[in-house]
Amino acid sequence: MSTVIETEEQAAARPERRPTGRSVLMCRPEHFTVVYRINPWMNPAEPTDTDVALAQWQALYDTYLELGYDVHLIDPIAGLPDMVYAANGGFVIDGIAYGAKFTHPERQPEGPAYMEWFREQGFDVREPEEVNEGEGDFLLVGDVILAGTGFRSDSQSHQELERIFGREVVTLRLVDPSFYHLDTAVAVLDGTPGREHIAYLPSAFDGASLAVLQERFPDAIIVNETDAAVLGLNSYSDGYNVVIASRATDFERQLREHGYNPIGVDLSELLLGGGGVKCCTLELRR
């Protein structure tokens, strides 16, 4: 990571960033491989290396431990290679776990597996009626839930979200198949009410959704296509430390200029399945 020298005026104007504790769920990629194609990143003809995926995932896991996060693990299941992308397994606020109901048959068994884990851990599990892919498409920013649709989660699930959590849900339509989940096109940098701050890729959204983002988040970081193409936006922040793809170098610069501490990790092997840092990370908000 590069070092950016800022002036005294820039330093004085930079918001003070505060890390807050995090509890997350992850799944070790013991069975990771690409044997089917359900997104543009996947190519079954391109070889994958499970050992490399495990080593890269371990680096992310160790980073979270070093940051003091409370990291929980769900056991991987043979035959479910995408289970490593834990963010898709549900959406948790205030101890309520809204389960996932996957679009593609290849991933559908993951939904019950994650819901069983939530039950065993004492969460109030709500089984979904509508198709949704959990925190892949649902992002909590302040008291508002940003909810993606267009490729995976059905927009009807947004109404279900609103009923379950009693919060405002803002629908955003994705239009680029390479950014098929909301967490590939939007990064929540600070979700604290009153301090809401995000980063996003404008071209991933239709015109109406882009207008909503521009109105609600006028100070958002706009990420370039190059960094988005390595899933740089698929990052995880505690309000100060932001774990990102190490190849997203301009996003790293932008984060530093906005007072964050970017931490780069290499998940290039897991990118072959269409996932990055955030995909591997499901936040547990008890």
Protein backbone atom coordinates (compact mmCIF):
# COMPACT_ATOMS: atom_id res chain seq x y z
CA MET A 1 0.00 0.00 0.00
CA SER A 2 1.23 3.45 -0.86
CA THR A 3 1.77 6.35 1.52
CA VAL A 4 -0.16 9.56 0.85
CA ILE A 5 1.20 12.81 2.29
CA GLU A 6 -1.52 15.31 3.10
CA THR A 7 -1.35 19.01 3.94
CA GLU A 8 -2.28 20.37 7.37
CA GLU A 9 -5.46 21.83 5.87
CA GLN A 10 -6.43 18.46 4.43
CA ALA A 11 -5.72 16.73 7.73
CA ALA A 12 -7.84 19.25 9.65
CA ALA A 13 -10.74 18.82 7.24
CA ARG A 14 -10.58 15.04 7.29
CA PRO A 15 -13.35 13.45 9.39
CA GLU A 16 -12.27 11.53 12.45
CA ARG A 17 -12.91 7.86 11.81
CA ARG A 18 -13.71 5.51 14.67
CA PRO A 19 -13.47 1.71 14.53
CA THR A 20 -16.27 -0.20 16.21
CA GLY A 21 -16.32 -3.85 17.24
CA ARG A 22 -17.49 -6.44 14.76
CA SER A 23 -18.89 -9.96 14.94
CA VAL A 24 -18.83 -11.90 11.68
CA LEU A 25 -19.54 -15.33 10.24
CA MET A 26 -17.20 -17.02 7.77
CA CYS A 27 -16.90 -20.40 6.04
CA ARG A 28 -13.60 -22.07 5.25
CA PRO A 29 -13.32 -22.84 1.48
CA GLU A 30 -12.40 -26.51 1.92
CA HIS A 31 -14.54 -27.49 -1.06
CA PHE A 32 -13.97 -24.42 -3.23
CA THR A 33 -13.82 -25.01 -6.97
CA VAL A 34 -15.63 -23.74 -10.04
CA VAL A 35 -17.68 -26.51 -11.63
CA TYR A 36 -20.63 -24.49 -12.90
CA ARG A 37 -21.25 -20.97 -14.21
CA ILE A 38 -23.83 -18.75 -12.53
CA ASN A 39 -22.05 -15.40 -12.91
CA PRO A 40 -19.67 -13.85 -15.47
CA TRP A 41 -16.62 -14.41 -13.24
CA MET A 42 -17.00 -18.19 -13.26
CA ASN A 43 -15.41 -20.38 -15.93
CA PRO A 44 -15.41 -24.13 -15.24
CA ALA A 45 -12.75 -24.57 -17.94
CA GLU A 46 -10.30 -22.43 -15.94
CA PRO A 47 -8.53 -24.45 -13.23
CA THR A 48 -8.88 -23.44 -9.59
CA ASP A 49 -6.60 -24.29 -6.69
CA THR A 50 -8.38 -25.10 -3.43
CA ASP A 51 -5.14 -24.88 -1.44
CA VAL A 52 -4.50 -21.35 -2.72
CA ALA A 53 -8.08 -20.38 -1.93
CA LEU A 54 -7.66 -21.73 1.60
CA ALA A 55 -4.41 -19.82 2.13
CA GLN A 56 -5.90 -16.56 0.86
CA TRP A 57 -9.03 -17.02 2.96
CA GLN A 58 -6.86 -17.74 6.01
CA ALA A 59 -5.10 -14.40 5.49
CA LEU A 60 -8.48 -12.65 5.57
CA TYR A 61 -9.51 -14.60 8.67
CA ASP A 62 -6.23 -13.74 10.42
CA THR A 63 -6.68 -10.06 9.50
CA TYR A 64 -10.05 -10.02 11.21
CA LEU A 65 -8.60 -11.65 14.32
CA GLU A 66 -5.78 -9.08 14.40
CA LEU A 67 -8.41 -6.32 14.22
CA GLY A 68 -10.11 -7.82 17.28
CA TYR A 69 -13.23 -9.03 15.50
CA ASP A 70 -15.35 -11.83 16.96
CA VAL A 71 -15.15 -14.39 14.14
CA HIS A 72 -17.53 -17.36 13.98
CA LEU A 73 -17.27 -20.28 11.57
CA ILE A 74 -19.90 -22.43 9.89
CA ASP A 75 -18.80 -25.90 8.77
CA PRO A 76 -18.37 -26.18 4.99
CA ILE A 77 -20.44 -28.83 3.23
CA ALA A 78 -19.08 -31.02 0.42
CA GLY A 79 -20.81 -30.28 -2.87
CA LEU A 80 -21.46 -26.63 -1.97
CA PRO A 81 -18.33 -24.88 -3.30
CA ASP A 82 -19.85 -21.38 -3.00
CA MET A 83 -20.64 -21.73 0.70
CA VAL A 84 -17.42 -19.79 1.35
CA TYR A 85 -19.35 -16.68 0.29
CA ALA A 86 -21.00 -16.43 3.71
CA ALA A 87 -22.51 -12.98 3.11
CA ASN A 88 -25.16 -14.61 0.92
CA GLY A 89 -26.30 -16.91 3.73
CA GLY A 90 -28.66 -14.42 5.41
CA PHE A 91 -29.11 -10.96 6.85
CA VAL A 92 -28.90 -10.28 10.59
CA ILE A 93 -30.04 -7.24 12.59
CA ASP A 94 -30.86 -7.10 16.32
CA GLY A 95 -30.54 -10.85 16.71
CA ILE A 96 -33.08 -11.55 13.93
CA ALA A 97 -31.70 -13.68 11.08
CA TYR A 98 -33.61 -13.40 7.79
CA GLY A 99 -32.67 -16.52 5.86
CA ALA A 100 -31.57 -16.74 2.24
CA LYS A 101 -33.51 -18.33 -0.61
CA PHE A 102 -31.10 -18.66 -3.53
CA THR A 103 -31.89 -18.04 -7.19
CA HIS A 104 -29.79 -20.84 -8.70
CA PRO A 105 -30.38 -24.51 -7.85
CA GLU A 106 -26.64 -25.04 -7.33
CA ARG A 107 -26.70 -22.81 -4.24
CA GLN A 108 -30.18 -23.47 -2.87
CA PRO A 109 -29.05 -26.03 -0.21
CA GLU A 110 -26.95 -23.29 1.40
CA GLY A 111 -30.05 -21.47 2.66
CA PRO A 112 -31.21 -24.20 5.09
CA ALA A 113 -27.61 -24.85 6.20
CA TYR A 114 -27.11 -21.24 7.25
CA MET A 115 -30.53 -21.04 8.89
CA GLU A 116 -29.73 -24.13 10.96
CA TRP A 117 -26.50 -22.48 12.11
CA PHE A 118 -28.41 -19.33 13.10
CA ARG A 119 -30.88 -21.41 15.12
CA GLU A 120 -28.09 -23.28 16.91
CA GLN A 121 -26.53 -19.94 17.86
CA GLY A 122 -29.76 -18.61 19.34
CA PHE A 123 -30.83 -16.19 16.61
CA ASP A 124 -34.50 -15.52 15.89
CA VAL A 125 -34.66 -17.11 12.44
CA ARG A 126 -37.20 -15.91 9.88
CA GLU A 127 -37.58 -18.25 6.94
CA PRO A 128 -37.87 -16.37 3.64
CA GLU A 129 -40.88 -16.52 1.38
CA GLU A 130 -39.19 -14.52 -1.38
CA VAL A 131 -36.00 -15.17 -3.33
CA ASN A 132 -33.10 -13.28 -1.75
CA GLU A 133 -29.36 -13.74 -1.33
CA GLY A 134 -28.84 -12.21 2.08
CA GLU A 135 -26.21 -9.62 2.79
CA GLY A 136 -25.00 -9.96 -0.77
CA ASP A 137 -27.94 -7.74 -1.72
CA PHE A 138 -28.86 -6.11 1.61
CA LEU A 139 -26.63 -3.48 3.20
CA LEU A 140 -27.40 -1.65 6.45
CA VAL A 141 -26.42 2.03 6.33
CA GLY A 142 -27.46 3.94 9.42
CA ASP A 143 -31.11 3.02 10.00
CA VAL A 144 -31.78 2.31 6.33
CA ILE A 145 -31.40 -0.94 4.39
CA LEU A 146 -30.12 -0.59 0.84
CA ALA A 147 -31.54 -3.52 -1.12
CA GLY A 148 -30.32 -4.70 -4.51
CA THR A 149 -32.32 -6.38 -7.26
CA GLY A 150 -31.92 -7.10 -10.95
CA PHE A 151 -29.97 -10.35 -10.98
CA ARG A 152 -30.43 -12.33 -7.77
CA SER A 153 -32.74 -11.03 -5.02
CA ASP A 154 -36.36 -10.49 -6.06
CA SER A 155 -37.70 -7.02 -5.34
CA GLN A 156 -40.57 -8.69 -3.42
CA SER A 157 -38.00 -9.67 -0.79
CA HIS A 158 -37.53 -5.96 -0.06
CA GLN A 159 -41.10 -5.76 1.22
CA GLU A 160 -40.44 -8.86 3.30
CA LEU A 161 -37.35 -7.15 4.72
CA GLU A 162 -39.40 -4.11 5.67
CA ARG A 163 -41.99 -6.23 7.48
CA ILE A 164 -39.39 -8.24 9.41
CA PHE A 165 -37.05 -5.44 10.48
CA GLY A 166 -39.38 -2.43 10.53
CA ARG A 167 -36.82 -0.24 8.78
CA GLU A 168 -36.87 1.81 5.62
CA VAL A 169 -35.76 -0.26 2.64
CA VAL A 170 -34.39 1.50 -0.44
CA THR A 171 -34.50 -0.51 -3.66
CA LEU A 172 -31.53 -0.22 -6.03
CA ARG A 173 -31.55 -1.92 -9.43
CA LEU A 174 -28.31 -3.41 -10.73
CA VAL A 175 -27.80 -3.48 -14.51
CA ASP A 176 -24.27 -4.88 -15.07
CA PRO A 177 -24.12 -8.70 -14.75
CA SER A 178 -20.52 -8.49 -13.52
CA PHE A 179 -21.88 -6.71 -10.44
CA TYR A 180 -24.73 -9.08 -9.76
CA HIS A 181 -24.92 -8.51 -6.00
CA LEU A 182 -25.24 -5.10 -4.34
CA ASP A 183 -22.11 -5.70 -2.25
CA THR A 184 -20.01 -5.86 -5.42
CA ALA A 185 -21.10 -2.33 -6.40
CA VAL A 186 -21.49 -0.58 -3.02
CA ALA A 187 -19.20 -0.56 0.01
CA VAL A 188 -20.54 0.62 3.38
CA LEU A 189 -17.62 2.53 4.88
CA ASP A 190 -19.40 3.96 7.92
CA GLY A 191 -22.84 2.72 8.82
CA THR A 192 -23.16 4.70 12.04
CA PRO A 193 -26.40 6.72 12.11
CA GLY A 194 -25.52 10.34 11.43
CA ARG A 195 -22.14 9.42 9.93
CA GLU A 196 -23.30 7.34 6.96
CA HIS A 197 -20.66 7.04 4.25
CA ILE A 198 -20.42 4.71 1.27
CA ALA A 199 -18.46 4.10 -1.92
CA TYR A 200 -20.02 2.88 -5.16
CA LEU A 201 -19.68 2.30 -8.91
CA PRO A 202 -22.20 4.48 -10.81
CA SER A 203 -22.31 2.33 -13.96
CA ALA A 204 -23.58 -0.67 -12.00
CA PHE A 205 -27.01 0.98 -11.49
CA ASP A 206 -29.94 2.11 -13.58
CA GLY A 207 -30.65 5.83 -13.82
CA ALA A 208 -33.29 5.98 -11.10
CA SER A 209 -31.13 4.07 -8.61
CA LEU A 210 -28.10 6.21 -9.36
CA ALA A 211 -30.17 9.33 -8.70
CA VAL A 212 -31.17 7.90 -5.30
CA LEU A 213 -27.54 7.22 -4.38
CA GLN A 214 -26.45 10.68 -5.48
CA GLU A 215 -29.19 12.34 -3.44
CA ARG A 216 -28.75 10.28 -0.28
CA PHE A 217 -24.95 10.10 -0.30
CA PRO A 218 -23.58 13.29 -1.89
CA ASP A 219 -20.18 12.76 -0.24
CA ALA A 220 -19.79 9.15 -1.37
CA ILE A 221 -16.51 7.90 -2.82
CA ILE A 222 -16.90 7.18 -6.54
CA VAL A 223 -14.77 4.18 -7.45
CA ASN A 224 -13.32 3.70 -10.93
CA GLU A 225 -14.05 0.79 -13.25
CA THR A 226 -10.57 -0.68 -12.86
CA ASP A 227 -10.84 -1.07 -9.09
CA ALA A 228 -14.42 -2.28 -9.33
CA ALA A 229 -13.29 -4.94 -11.82
CA VAL A 230 -11.16 -6.61 -9.11
CA LEU A 231 -14.14 -6.38 -6.72
CA GLY A 232 -12.51 -3.53 -4.84
CA LEU A 233 -15.92 -2.42 -3.61
CA ASN A 234 -16.54 -5.85 -2.16
CA SER A 235 -14.84 -4.71 1.02
CA TYR A 236 -15.53 -4.75 4.75
CA SER A 237 -15.23 -1.75 7.07
CA ASP A 238 -15.49 -1.24 10.83
CA GLY A 239 -15.77 2.52 10.40
CA TYR A 240 -12.00 3.05 10.27
CA ASN A 241 -10.23 -0.09 9.08
CA VAL A 242 -11.37 -1.12 5.60
CA VAL A 243 -10.29 -4.53 4.32
CA ILE A 244 -10.15 -4.37 0.52
CA ALA A 245 -8.75 -6.17 -2.51
CA SER A 246 -5.04 -5.40 -2.59
CA ARG A 247 -5.23 -4.67 -6.32
CA ALA A 248 -7.74 -1.83 -5.82
CA THR A 249 -4.96 0.74 -5.57
CA ASP A 250 -6.88 3.92 -6.43
CA PHE A 251 -9.66 2.99 -4.02
CA GLU A 252 -6.94 2.56 -1.39
CA ARG A 253 -5.76 6.12 -2.11
CA GLN A 254 -9.30 7.47 -1.88
CA LEU A 255 -9.90 5.72 1.44
CA ARG A 256 -6.74 7.21 2.95
CA GLU A 257 -7.75 10.68 1.78
CA HIS A 258 -11.08 10.23 3.57
CA GLY A 259 -9.45 9.22 6.84
CA TYR A 260 -9.77 5.44 6.64
CA ASN A 261 -7.10 2.79 7.13
CA PRO A 262 -7.25 0.48 4.10
CA ILE A 263 -5.87 -3.03 4.54
CA GLY A 264 -5.23 -4.95 1.33
CA VAL A 265 -5.68 -8.71 1.00
CA ASP A 266 -5.32 -10.97 -2.02
CA LEU A 267 -8.40 -13.11 -2.69
CA SER A 268 -7.66 -13.58 -6.40
CA GLU A 269 -8.44 -17.31 -6.29
CA LEU A 270 -11.86 -16.74 -4.74
CA LEU A 271 -12.46 -14.02 -7.34
CA LEU A 272 -12.65 -16.89 -9.86
CA GLY A 273 -15.96 -17.76 -8.23
CA GLY A 274 -17.13 -14.15 -8.30
CA GLY A 275 -16.42 -13.23 -4.69
CA GLY A 276 -14.15 -11.03 -2.61
CA VAL A 277 -13.70 -9.77 0.94
CA LYS A 278 -17.32 -8.88 1.68
CA CYS A 279 -18.68 -12.00 0.01
CA CYS A 280 -16.72 -14.03 2.57
CA THR A 281 -18.06 -11.98 5.48
CA LEU A 282 -21.55 -12.02 7.02
CA GLU A 283 -22.05 -9.49 9.80
CA LEU A 284 -23.76 -10.78 12.95
CA ARG A 285 -25.62 -7.88 14.57
CA ARG A 286 -27.00 -9.19 17.85
